[in-house]
Amino acid sequence: MTASIPSVTLSSRITVSDDVLMQEVGDEVVLLDLASERYFGLDPVGTRIWELLPERQDLADILTSLCEEFDAEPARIEHDLLTLVLSLSEAGLVKVE
């Protein structure tokens, strides 16, 4: 039986797994899930999202910060944020509440 992945919305609260190590490699970040021994690479925007996860209440707060920091359409930033968090959740790197 496969565990279901919760849907990700702007009201979702995210908790980073305790089993994840982060290492900067050049201008990217590599995450290592110690439980599965799998690597996950993040580009600079993904890295910024990762940095904001433990600092913010929910994804809406992160979206606000990203819209202030990056010159892109808010709808595009929202799509990229939700897509990345869903991918992180599916990989077991974060928990969605």
PDB file of N, CA and C in Angstrom:
ATOM      1  N   MET A   1       0.835  -1.177   0.000  1.00  0.00           N
ATOM      2  CA  MET A   1       0.000   0.000   0.000  1.00  0.00           C
ATOM      3  C   MET A   1       0.879   1.238   0.000  1.00  0.00           C
ATOM      4  N   THR A   2       0.622   2.157  -0.901  1.00  0.00           N
ATOM      5  CA  THR A   2       1.414   3.373  -1.025  1.00  0.00           C
ATOM      6  C   THR A   2       0.782   4.497  -0.218  1.00  0.00           C
ATOM      7  N   ALA A   3       1.608   5.243   0.521  1.00  0.00           N
ATOM      8  CA  ALA A   3       1.098   6.383   1.277  1.00  0.00           C
ATOM      9  C   ALA A   3       0.677   7.470   0.308  1.00  0.00           C
ATOM     10  N   SER A   4      -0.447   8.107   0.606  1.00  0.00           N
ATOM     11  CA  SER A   4      -0.912   9.163  -0.285  1.00  0.00           C
ATOM     12  C   SER A   4      -0.185  10.465   0.023  1.00  0.00           C
ATOM     13  N   ILE A   5       0.026  11.245  -1.024  1.00  0.00           N
ATOM     14  CA  ILE A   5       0.680  12.539  -0.894  1.00  0.00           C
ATOM     15  C   ILE A   5      -0.420  13.586  -0.744  1.00  0.00           C
ATOM     16  N   PRO A   6      -0.394  14.385   0.336  1.00  0.00           N
ATOM     17  CA  PRO A   6      -1.422  15.406   0.493  1.00  0.00           C
ATOM     18  C   PRO A   6      -1.325  16.444  -0.621  1.00  0.00           C
ATOM     19  N   SER A   7      -2.451  17.049  -0.944  1.00  0.00           N
ATOM     20  CA  SER A   7      -2.408  18.115  -1.943  1.00  0.00           C
ATOM     21  C   SER A   7      -1.669  19.310  -1.353  1.00  0.00           C
ATOM     22  N   VAL A   8      -1.064  20.082  -2.228  1.00  0.00           N
ATOM     23  CA  VAL A   8      -0.285  21.241  -1.813  1.00  0.00           C
ATOM     24  C   VAL A   8      -1.025  22.493  -2.252  1.00  0.00           C
ATOM     25  N   THR A   9      -1.340  23.358  -1.294  1.00  0.00           N
ATOM     26  CA  THR A   9      -1.992  24.627  -1.571  1.00  0.00           C
ATOM     27  C   THR A   9      -1.232  25.730  -0.855  1.00  0.00           C
ATOM     28  N   LEU A  10      -1.611  26.963  -1.115  1.00  0.00           N
ATOM     29  CA  LEU A  10      -0.931  28.077  -0.449  1.00  0.00           C
ATOM     30  C   LEU A  10      -1.163  28.092   1.055  1.00  0.00           C
ATOM     31  N   SER A  11      -2.200  27.421   1.527  1.00  0.00           N
ATOM     32  CA  SER A  11      -2.432  27.367   2.970  1.00  0.00           C
ATOM     33  C   SER A  11      -1.700  26.199   3.636  1.00  0.00           C
ATOM     34  N   SER A  12      -1.011  25.392   2.838  1.00  0.00           N
ATOM     35  CA  SER A  12      -0.268  24.255   3.383  1.00  0.00           C
ATOM     36  C   SER A  12       0.888  24.729   4.243  1.00  0.00           C
ATOM     37  N   ARG A  13       1.090  23.990   5.315  1.00  0.00           N
ATOM     38  CA  ARG A  13       2.251  24.204   6.183  1.00  0.00           C
ATOM     39  C   ARG A  13       3.231  23.085   5.886  1.00  0.00           C
ATOM     40  N   ILE A  14       4.499  23.435   5.798  1.00  0.00           N
ATOM     41  CA  ILE A  14       5.522  22.482   5.377  1.00  0.00           C
ATOM     42  C   ILE A  14       6.537  22.286   6.498  1.00  0.00           C
ATOM     43  N   THR A  15       6.887  21.021   6.729  1.00  0.00           N
ATOM     44  CA  THR A  15       7.919  20.682   7.698  1.00  0.00           C
ATOM     45  C   THR A  15       9.011  19.919   6.959  1.00  0.00           C
ATOM     46  N   VAL A  16      10.244  20.375   7.118  1.00  0.00           N
ATOM     47  CA  VAL A  16      11.381  19.704   6.488  1.00  0.00           C
ATOM     48  C   VAL A  16      11.708  18.446   7.287  1.00  0.00           C
ATOM     49  N   SER A  17      11.929  17.353   6.590  1.00  0.00           N
ATOM     50  CA  SER A  17      12.272  16.083   7.227  1.00  0.00           C
ATOM     51  C   SER A  17      13.596  16.203   7.976  1.00  0.00           C
ATOM     52  N   ASP A  18      13.677  15.522   9.111  1.00  0.00           N
ATOM     53  CA  ASP A  18      14.916  15.504   9.893  1.00  0.00           C
ATOM     54  C   ASP A  18      16.011  14.698   9.207  1.00  0.00           C
ATOM     55  N   ASP A  19      15.629  13.873   8.232  1.00  0.00           N
ATOM     56  CA  ASP A  19      16.574  12.991   7.553  1.00  0.00           C
ATOM     57  C   ASP A  19      17.182  13.597   6.296  1.00  0.00           C
ATOM     58  N   VAL A  20      17.136  14.929   6.165  1.00  0.00           N
ATOM     59  CA  VAL A  20      17.639  15.586   4.954  1.00  0.00           C
ATOM     60  C   VAL A  20      18.876  16.413   5.289  1.00  0.00           C
ATOM     61  N   LEU A  21      19.924  16.189   4.510  1.00  0.00           N
ATOM     62  CA  LEU A  21      21.135  17.005   4.600  1.00  0.00           C
ATOM     63  C   LEU A  21      21.212  17.903   3.374  1.00  0.00           C
ATOM     64  N   MET A  22      21.721  19.114   3.557  1.00  0.00           N
ATOM     65  CA  MET A  22      21.852  20.064   2.464  1.00  0.00           C
ATOM     66  C   MET A  22      23.325  20.402   2.264  1.00  0.00           C
ATOM     67  N   GLN A  23      23.753  20.477   1.003  1.00  0.00           N
ATOM     68  CA  GLN A  23      25.134  20.839   0.678  1.00  0.00           C
ATOM     69  C   GLN A  23      25.135  21.751  -0.538  1.00  0.00           C
ATOM     70  N   GLU A  24      25.830  22.883  -0.426  1.00  0.00           N
ATOM     71  CA  GLU A  24      25.976  23.769  -1.571  1.00  0.00           C
ATOM     72  C   GLU A  24      27.034  23.206  -2.505  1.00  0.00           C
ATOM     73  N   VAL A  25      26.709  23.200  -3.804  1.00  0.00           N
ATOM     74  CA  VAL A  25      27.622  22.740  -4.841  1.00  0.00           C
ATOM     75  C   VAL A  25      27.568  23.785  -5.951  1.00  0.00           C
ATOM     76  N   GLY A  26      28.580  24.647  -5.988  1.00  0.00           N
ATOM     77  CA  GLY A  26      28.560  25.739  -6.954  1.00  0.00           C
ATOM     78  C   GLY A  26      27.428  26.686  -6.625  1.00  0.00           C
ATOM     79  N   ASP A  27      26.590  26.984  -7.630  1.00  0.00           N
ATOM     80  CA  ASP A  27      25.471  27.899  -7.397  1.00  0.00           C
ATOM     81  C   ASP A  27      24.167  27.136  -7.159  1.00  0.00           C
ATOM     82  N   GLU A  28      24.267  25.849  -6.881  1.00  0.00           N
ATOM     83  CA  GLU A  28      23.101  25.028  -6.602  1.00  0.00           C
ATOM     84  C   GLU A  28      23.221  24.388  -5.228  1.00  0.00           C
ATOM     85  N   VAL A  29      22.126  23.800  -4.789  1.00  0.00           N
ATOM     86  CA  VAL A  29      22.107  23.058  -3.533  1.00  0.00           C
ATOM     87  C   VAL A  29      21.687  21.634  -3.845  1.00  0.00           C
ATOM     88  N   VAL A  30      22.330  20.701  -3.180  1.00  0.00           N
ATOM     89  CA  VAL A  30      21.974  19.295  -3.303  1.00  0.00           C
ATOM     90  C   VAL A  30      21.438  18.841  -1.954  1.00  0.00           C
ATOM     91  N   LEU A  31      20.280  18.191  -1.982  1.00  0.00           N
ATOM     92  CA  LEU A  31      19.681  17.637  -0.783  1.00  0.00           C
ATOM     93  C   LEU A  31      19.897  16.127  -0.803  1.00  0.00           C
ATOM     94  N   LEU A  32      20.235  15.574   0.327  1.00  0.00           N
ATOM     95  CA  LEU A  32      20.394  14.133   0.458  1.00  0.00           C
ATOM     96  C   LEU A  32      19.387  13.635   1.478  1.00  0.00           C
ATOM     97  N   ASP A  33      18.536  12.743   1.042  1.00  0.00           N
ATOM     98  CA  ASP A  33      17.590  12.091   1.940  1.00  0.00           C
ATOM     99  C   ASP A  33      18.294  10.871   2.521  1.00  0.00           C
ATOM    100  N   LEU A  34      18.633  10.931   3.790  1.00  0.00           N
ATOM    101  CA  LEU A  34      19.370   9.837   4.429  1.00  0.00           C
ATOM    102  C   LEU A  34      18.563   8.541   4.470  1.00  0.00           C
ATOM    103  N   ALA A  35      17.248   8.656   4.546  1.00  0.00           N
ATOM    104  CA  ALA A  35      16.407   7.463   4.615  1.00  0.00           C
ATOM    105  C   ALA A  35      16.456   6.659   3.315  1.00  0.00           C
ATOM    106  N   SER A  36      16.387   7.347   2.185  1.00  0.00           N
ATOM    107  CA  SER A  36      16.362   6.651   0.889  1.00  0.00           C
ATOM    108  C   SER A  36      17.709   6.672   0.175  1.00  0.00           C
ATOM    109  N   GLU A  37      18.642   7.492   0.683  1.00  0.00           N
ATOM    110  CA  GLU A  37      19.959   7.691   0.069  1.00  0.00           C
ATOM    111  C   GLU A  37      19.850   8.257  -1.346  1.00  0.00           C
ATOM    112  N   ARG A  38      18.812   9.066  -1.591  1.00  0.00           N
ATOM    113  CA  ARG A  38      18.631   9.703  -2.897  1.00  0.00           C
ATOM    114  C   ARG A  38      18.998  11.183  -2.798  1.00  0.00           C
ATOM    115  N   TYR A  39      19.532  11.698  -3.907  1.00  0.00           N
ATOM    116  CA  TYR A  39      19.899  13.101  -4.013  1.00  0.00           C
ATOM    117  C   TYR A  39      18.821  13.863  -4.766  1.00  0.00           C
ATOM    118  N   PHE A  40      18.696  15.152  -4.448  1.00  0.00           N
ATOM    119  CA  PHE A  40      17.721  16.018  -5.103  1.00  0.00           C
ATOM    120  C   PHE A  40      18.407  17.369  -5.295  1.00  0.00           C
ATOM    121  N   GLY A  41      18.540  17.837  -6.530  1.00  0.00           N
ATOM    122  CA  GLY A  41      19.208  19.105  -6.817  1.00  0.00           C
ATOM    123  C   GLY A  41      18.234  20.262  -6.925  1.00  0.00           C
ATOM    124  N   LEU A  42      18.650  21.429  -6.425  1.00  0.00           N
ATOM    125  CA  LEU A  42      17.830  22.636  -6.494  1.00  0.00           C
ATOM    126  C   LEU A  42      18.600  23.743  -7.207  1.00  0.00           C
ATOM    127  N   ASP A  43      17.919  24.443  -8.111  1.00  0.00           N
ATOM    128  CA  ASP A  43      18.506  25.616  -8.751  1.00  0.00           C
ATOM    129  C   ASP A  43      18.441  26.788  -7.756  1.00  0.00           C
ATOM    130  N   PRO A  44      18.932  27.978  -8.126  1.00  0.00           N
ATOM    131  CA  PRO A  44      18.924  29.103  -7.173  1.00  0.00           C
ATOM    132  C   PRO A  44      17.539  29.471  -6.630  1.00  0.00           C
ATOM    133  N   VAL A  45      16.501  29.416  -7.443  1.00  0.00           N
ATOM    134  CA  VAL A  45      15.152  29.730  -6.951  1.00  0.00           C
ATOM    135  C   VAL A  45      14.674  28.625  -6.013  1.00  0.00           C
ATOM    136  N   GLY A  46      14.892  27.385  -6.385  1.00  0.00           N
ATOM    137  CA  GLY A  46      14.543  26.272  -5.513  1.00  0.00           C
ATOM    138  C   GLY A  46      15.286  26.334  -4.192  1.00  0.00           C
ATOM    139  N   THR A  47      16.534  26.757  -4.262  1.00  0.00           N
ATOM    140  CA  THR A  47      17.332  26.919  -3.041  1.00  0.00           C
ATOM    141  C   THR A  47      16.715  27.974  -2.140  1.00  0.00           C
ATOM    142  N   ARG A  48      16.271  29.083  -2.728  1.00  0.00           N
ATOM    143  CA  ARG A  48      15.647  30.145  -1.924  1.00  0.00           C
ATOM    144  C   ARG A  48      14.361  29.640  -1.273  1.00  0.00           C
ATOM    145  N   ILE A  49      13.581  28.872  -2.013  1.00  0.00           N
ATOM    146  CA  ILE A  49      12.367  28.293  -1.437  1.00  0.00           C
ATOM    147  C   ILE A  49      12.743  27.391  -0.265  1.00  0.00           C
ATOM    148  N   TRP A  50      13.740  26.540  -0.444  1.00  0.00           N
ATOM    149  CA  TRP A  50      14.192  25.643   0.618  1.00  0.00           C
ATOM    150  C   TRP A  50      14.601  26.430   1.861  1.00  0.00           C
ATOM    151  N   GLU A  51      15.310  27.548   1.658  1.00  0.00           N
ATOM    152  CA  GLU A  51      15.739  28.384   2.783  1.00  0.00           C
ATOM    153  C   GLU A  51      14.550  28.979   3.527  1.00  0.00           C
ATOM    154  N   LEU A  52      13.486  29.315   2.802  1.00  0.00           N
ATOM    155  CA  LEU A  52      12.321  29.952   3.413  1.00  0.00           C
ATOM    156  C   LEU A  52      11.400  28.963   4.127  1.00  0.00           C
ATOM    157  N   LEU A  53      11.456  27.692   3.777  1.00  0.00           N
ATOM    158  CA  LEU A  53      10.520  26.714   4.353  1.00  0.00           C
ATOM    159  C   LEU A  53      10.499  26.720   5.886  1.00  0.00           C
ATOM    160  N   PRO A  54      11.631  26.669   6.566  1.00  0.00           N
ATOM    161  CA  PRO A  54      11.557  26.637   8.029  1.00  0.00           C
ATOM    162  C   PRO A  54      11.233  27.990   8.658  1.00  0.00           C
ATOM    163  N   GLU A  55      11.312  29.069   7.876  1.00  0.00           N
ATOM    164  CA  GLU A  55      11.126  30.413   8.414  1.00  0.00           C
ATOM    165  C   GLU A  55       9.694  30.915   8.340  1.00  0.00           C
ATOM    166  N   ARG A  56       8.850  30.321   7.530  1.00  0.00           N
ATOM    167  CA  ARG A  56       7.533  30.869   7.251  1.00  0.00           C
ATOM    168  C   ARG A  56       6.414  29.975   7.774  1.00  0.00           C
ATOM    169  N   GLN A  57       5.277  30.611   8.032  1.00  0.00           N
ATOM    170  CA  GLN A  57       4.104  29.913   8.552  1.00  0.00           C
ATOM    171  C   GLN A  57       3.493  28.966   7.528  1.00  0.00           C
ATOM    172  N   ASP A  58       3.326  29.439   6.302  1.00  0.00           N
ATOM    173  CA  ASP A  58       2.693  28.618   5.272  1.00  0.00           C
ATOM    174  C   ASP A  58       3.214  29.048   3.905  1.00  0.00           C
ATOM    175  N   LEU A  59       2.770  28.368   2.864  1.00  0.00           N
ATOM    176  CA  LEU A  59       3.272  28.658   1.520  1.00  0.00           C
ATOM    177  C   LEU A  59       2.850  30.033   1.017  1.00  0.00           C
ATOM    178  N   ALA A  60       1.739  30.558   1.509  1.00  0.00           N
ATOM    179  CA  ALA A  60       1.328  31.918   1.116  1.00  0.00           C
ATOM    180  C   ALA A  60       2.377  32.936   1.562  1.00  0.00           C
ATOM    181  N   ASP A  61       2.944  32.735   2.751  1.00  0.00           N
ATOM    182  CA  ASP A  61       4.008  33.627   3.236  1.00  0.00           C
ATOM    183  C   ASP A  61       5.250  33.517   2.359  1.00  0.00           C
ATOM    184  N   ILE A  62       5.575  32.309   1.952  1.00  0.00           N
ATOM    185  CA  ILE A  62       6.740  32.105   1.088  1.00  0.00           C
ATOM    186  C   ILE A  62       6.490  32.757  -0.267  1.00  0.00           C
ATOM    187  N   LEU A  63       5.278  32.608  -0.802  1.00  0.00           N
ATOM    188  CA  LEU A  63       4.944  33.231  -2.081  1.00  0.00           C
ATOM    189  C   LEU A  63       5.115  34.738  -2.008  1.00  0.00           C
ATOM    190  N   THR A  64       4.661  35.348  -0.937  1.00  0.00           N
ATOM    191  CA  THR A  64       4.814  36.797  -0.769  1.00  0.00           C
ATOM    192  C   THR A  64       6.287  37.184  -0.809  1.00  0.00           C
ATOM    193  N   SER A  65       7.117  36.458  -0.087  1.00  0.00           N
ATOM    194  CA  SER A  65       8.561  36.750  -0.079  1.00  0.00           C
ATOM    195  C   SER A  65       9.168  36.589  -1.470  1.00  0.00           C
ATOM    196  N   LEU A  66       8.809  35.513  -2.157  1.00  0.00           N
ATOM    197  CA  LEU A  66       9.369  35.265  -3.488  1.00  0.00           C
ATOM    198  C   LEU A  66       8.946  36.349  -4.481  1.00  0.00           C
ATOM    199  N   CYS A  67       7.703  36.800  -4.388  1.00  0.00           N
ATOM    200  CA  CYS A  67       7.230  37.858  -5.292  1.00  0.00           C
ATOM    201  C   CYS A  67       7.970  39.169  -5.055  1.00  0.00           C
ATOM    202  N   GLU A  68       8.386  39.404  -3.816  1.00  0.00           N
ATOM    203  CA  GLU A  68       9.168  40.605  -3.497  1.00  0.00           C
ATOM    204  C   GLU A  68      10.602  40.481  -3.987  1.00  0.00           C
ATOM    205  N   GLU A  69      11.131  39.264  -4.029  1.00  0.00           N
ATOM    206  CA  GLU A  69      12.533  39.038  -4.373  1.00  0.00           C
ATOM    207  C   GLU A  69      12.794  38.820  -5.861  1.00  0.00           C
ATOM    208  N   PHE A  70      11.828  38.250  -6.577  1.00  0.00           N
ATOM    209  CA  PHE A  70      12.061  37.867  -7.971  1.00  0.00           C
ATOM    210  C   PHE A  70      11.155  38.643  -8.913  1.00  0.00           C
ATOM    211  N   ASP A  71      11.700  38.954 -10.070  1.00  0.00           N
ATOM    212  CA  ASP A  71      10.974  39.692 -11.091  1.00  0.00           C
ATOM    213  C   ASP A  71      10.311  38.702 -12.046  1.00  0.00           C
ATOM    214  N   ALA A  72       9.142  38.211 -11.625  1.00  0.00           N
ATOM    215  CA  ALA A  72       8.370  37.272 -12.438  1.00  0.00           C
ATOM    216  C   ALA A  72       6.903  37.462 -12.086  1.00  0.00           C
ATOM    217  N   GLU A  73       6.044  36.969 -12.957  1.00  0.00           N
ATOM    218  CA  GLU A  73       4.613  37.055 -12.703  1.00  0.00           C
ATOM    219  C   GLU A  73       4.264  36.244 -11.450  1.00  0.00           C
ATOM    220  N   PRO A  74       3.459  36.804 -10.555  1.00  0.00           N
ATOM    221  CA  PRO A  74       3.074  36.062  -9.348  1.00  0.00           C
ATOM    222  C   PRO A  74       2.461  34.692  -9.637  1.00  0.00           C
ATOM    223  N   ALA A  75       1.677  34.580 -10.699  1.00  0.00           N
ATOM    224  CA  ALA A  75       1.073  33.288 -11.035  1.00  0.00           C
ATOM    225  C   ALA A  75       2.145  32.261 -11.384  1.00  0.00           C
ATOM    226  N   ARG A  76       3.189  32.699 -12.058  1.00  0.00           N
ATOM    227  CA  ARG A  76       4.296  31.793 -12.420  1.00  0.00           C
ATOM    228  C   ARG A  76       5.054  31.354 -11.168  1.00  0.00           C
ATOM    229  N   ILE A  77       5.315  32.314 -10.273  1.00  0.00           N
ATOM    230  CA  ILE A  77       6.015  32.000  -9.029  1.00  0.00           C
ATOM    231  C   ILE A  77       5.185  31.025  -8.203  1.00  0.00           C
ATOM    232  N   GLU A  78       3.884  31.254  -8.116  1.00  0.00           N
ATOM    233  CA  GLU A  78       3.008  30.360  -7.361  1.00  0.00           C
ATOM    234  C   GLU A  78       3.043  28.943  -7.947  1.00  0.00           C
ATOM    235  N   HIS A  79       2.936  28.834  -9.255  1.00  0.00           N
ATOM    236  CA  HIS A  79       2.980  27.525  -9.915  1.00  0.00           C
ATOM    237  C   HIS A  79       4.289  26.807  -9.606  1.00  0.00           C
ATOM    238  N   ASP A  80       5.408  27.518  -9.752  1.00  0.00           N
ATOM    239  CA  ASP A  80       6.714  26.911  -9.504  1.00  0.00           C
ATOM    240  C   ASP A  80       6.874  26.498  -8.041  1.00  0.00           C
ATOM    241  N   LEU A  81       6.388  27.324  -7.121  1.00  0.00           N
ATOM    242  CA  LEU A  81       6.455  27.019  -5.690  1.00  0.00           C
ATOM    243  C   LEU A  81       5.671  25.746  -5.369  1.00  0.00           C
ATOM    244  N   LEU A  82       4.425  25.692  -5.823  1.00  0.00           N
ATOM    245  CA  LEU A  82       3.585  24.530  -5.523  1.00  0.00           C
ATOM    246  C   LEU A  82       4.131  23.259  -6.176  1.00  0.00           C
ATOM    247  N   THR A  83       4.650  23.390  -7.398  1.00  0.00           N
ATOM    248  CA  THR A  83       5.221  22.240  -8.097  1.00  0.00           C
ATOM    249  C   THR A  83       6.443  21.708  -7.365  1.00  0.00           C
ATOM    250  N   LEU A  84       7.333  22.609  -6.933  1.00  0.00           N
ATOM    251  CA  LEU A  84       8.530  22.175  -6.222  1.00  0.00           C
ATOM    252  C   LEU A  84       8.167  21.515  -4.895  1.00  0.00           C
ATOM    253  N   VAL A  85       7.270  22.121  -4.140  1.00  0.00           N
ATOM    254  CA  VAL A  85       6.910  21.550  -2.840  1.00  0.00           C
ATOM    255  C   VAL A  85       6.255  20.181  -3.015  1.00  0.00           C
ATOM    256  N   LEU A  86       5.446  20.024  -4.043  1.00  0.00           N
ATOM    257  CA  LEU A  86       4.857  18.712  -4.317  1.00  0.00           C
ATOM    258  C   LEU A  86       5.955  17.691  -4.620  1.00  0.00           C
ATOM    259  N   SER A  87       6.933  18.081  -5.427  1.00  0.00           N
ATOM    260  CA  SER A  87       8.054  17.184  -5.746  1.00  0.00           C
ATOM    261  C   SER A  87       8.860  16.828  -4.496  1.00  0.00           C
ATOM    262  N   LEU A  88       9.088  17.819  -3.645  1.00  0.00           N
ATOM    263  CA  LEU A  88       9.814  17.564  -2.390  1.00  0.00           C
ATOM    264  C   LEU A  88       9.027  16.618  -1.500  1.00  0.00           C
ATOM    265  N   SER A  89       7.720  16.789  -1.477  1.00  0.00           N
ATOM    266  CA  SER A  89       6.864  15.921  -0.675  1.00  0.00           C
ATOM    267  C   SER A  89       6.879  14.494  -1.216  1.00  0.00           C
ATOM    268  N   GLU A  90       6.763  14.351  -2.518  1.00  0.00           N
ATOM    269  CA  GLU A  90       6.788  13.019  -3.132  1.00  0.00           C
ATOM    270  C   GLU A  90       8.118  12.317  -2.887  1.00  0.00           C
ATOM    271  N   ALA A  91       9.203  13.091  -2.792  1.00  0.00           N
ATOM    272  CA  ALA A  91      10.526  12.515  -2.551  1.00  0.00           C
ATOM    273  C   ALA A  91      10.762  12.248  -1.055  1.00  0.00           C
ATOM    274  N   GLY A  92       9.816  12.657  -0.208  1.00  0.00           N
ATOM    275  CA  GLY A  92       9.950  12.426   1.225  1.00  0.00           C
ATOM    276  C   GLY A  92      10.842  13.425   1.934  1.00  0.00           C
ATOM    277  N   LEU A  93      11.149  14.550   1.280  1.00  0.00           N
ATOM    278  CA  LEU A  93      12.035  15.552   1.870  1.00  0.00           C
ATOM    279  C   LEU A  93      11.290  16.526   2.774  1.00  0.00           C
ATOM    280  N   VAL A  94       9.999  16.677   2.559  1.00  0.00           N
ATOM    281  CA  VAL A  94       9.171  17.541   3.398  1.00  0.00           C
ATOM    282  C   VAL A  94       7.851  16.844   3.698  1.00  0.00           C
ATOM    283  N   LYS A  95       7.184  17.325   4.729  1.00  0.00           N
ATOM    284  CA  LYS A  95       5.838  16.853   5.068  1.00  0.00           C
ATOM    285  C   LYS A  95       4.875  18.018   4.875  1.00  0.00           C
ATOM    286  N   VAL A  96       3.745  17.742   4.252  1.00  0.00           N
ATOM    287  CA  VAL A  96       2.734  18.754   3.990  1.00  0.00           C
ATOM    288  C   VAL A  96       1.602  18.588   4.982  1.00  0.00           C
ATOM    289  N   GLU A  97       1.234  19.692   5.629  1.00  0.00           N
ATOM    290  CA  GLU A  97       0.110  19.672   6.589  1.00  0.00           C
ATOM    291  C   GLU A  97      -0.946  20.649   6.132  1.00  0.00           C
TER     292      GLU A  97
END
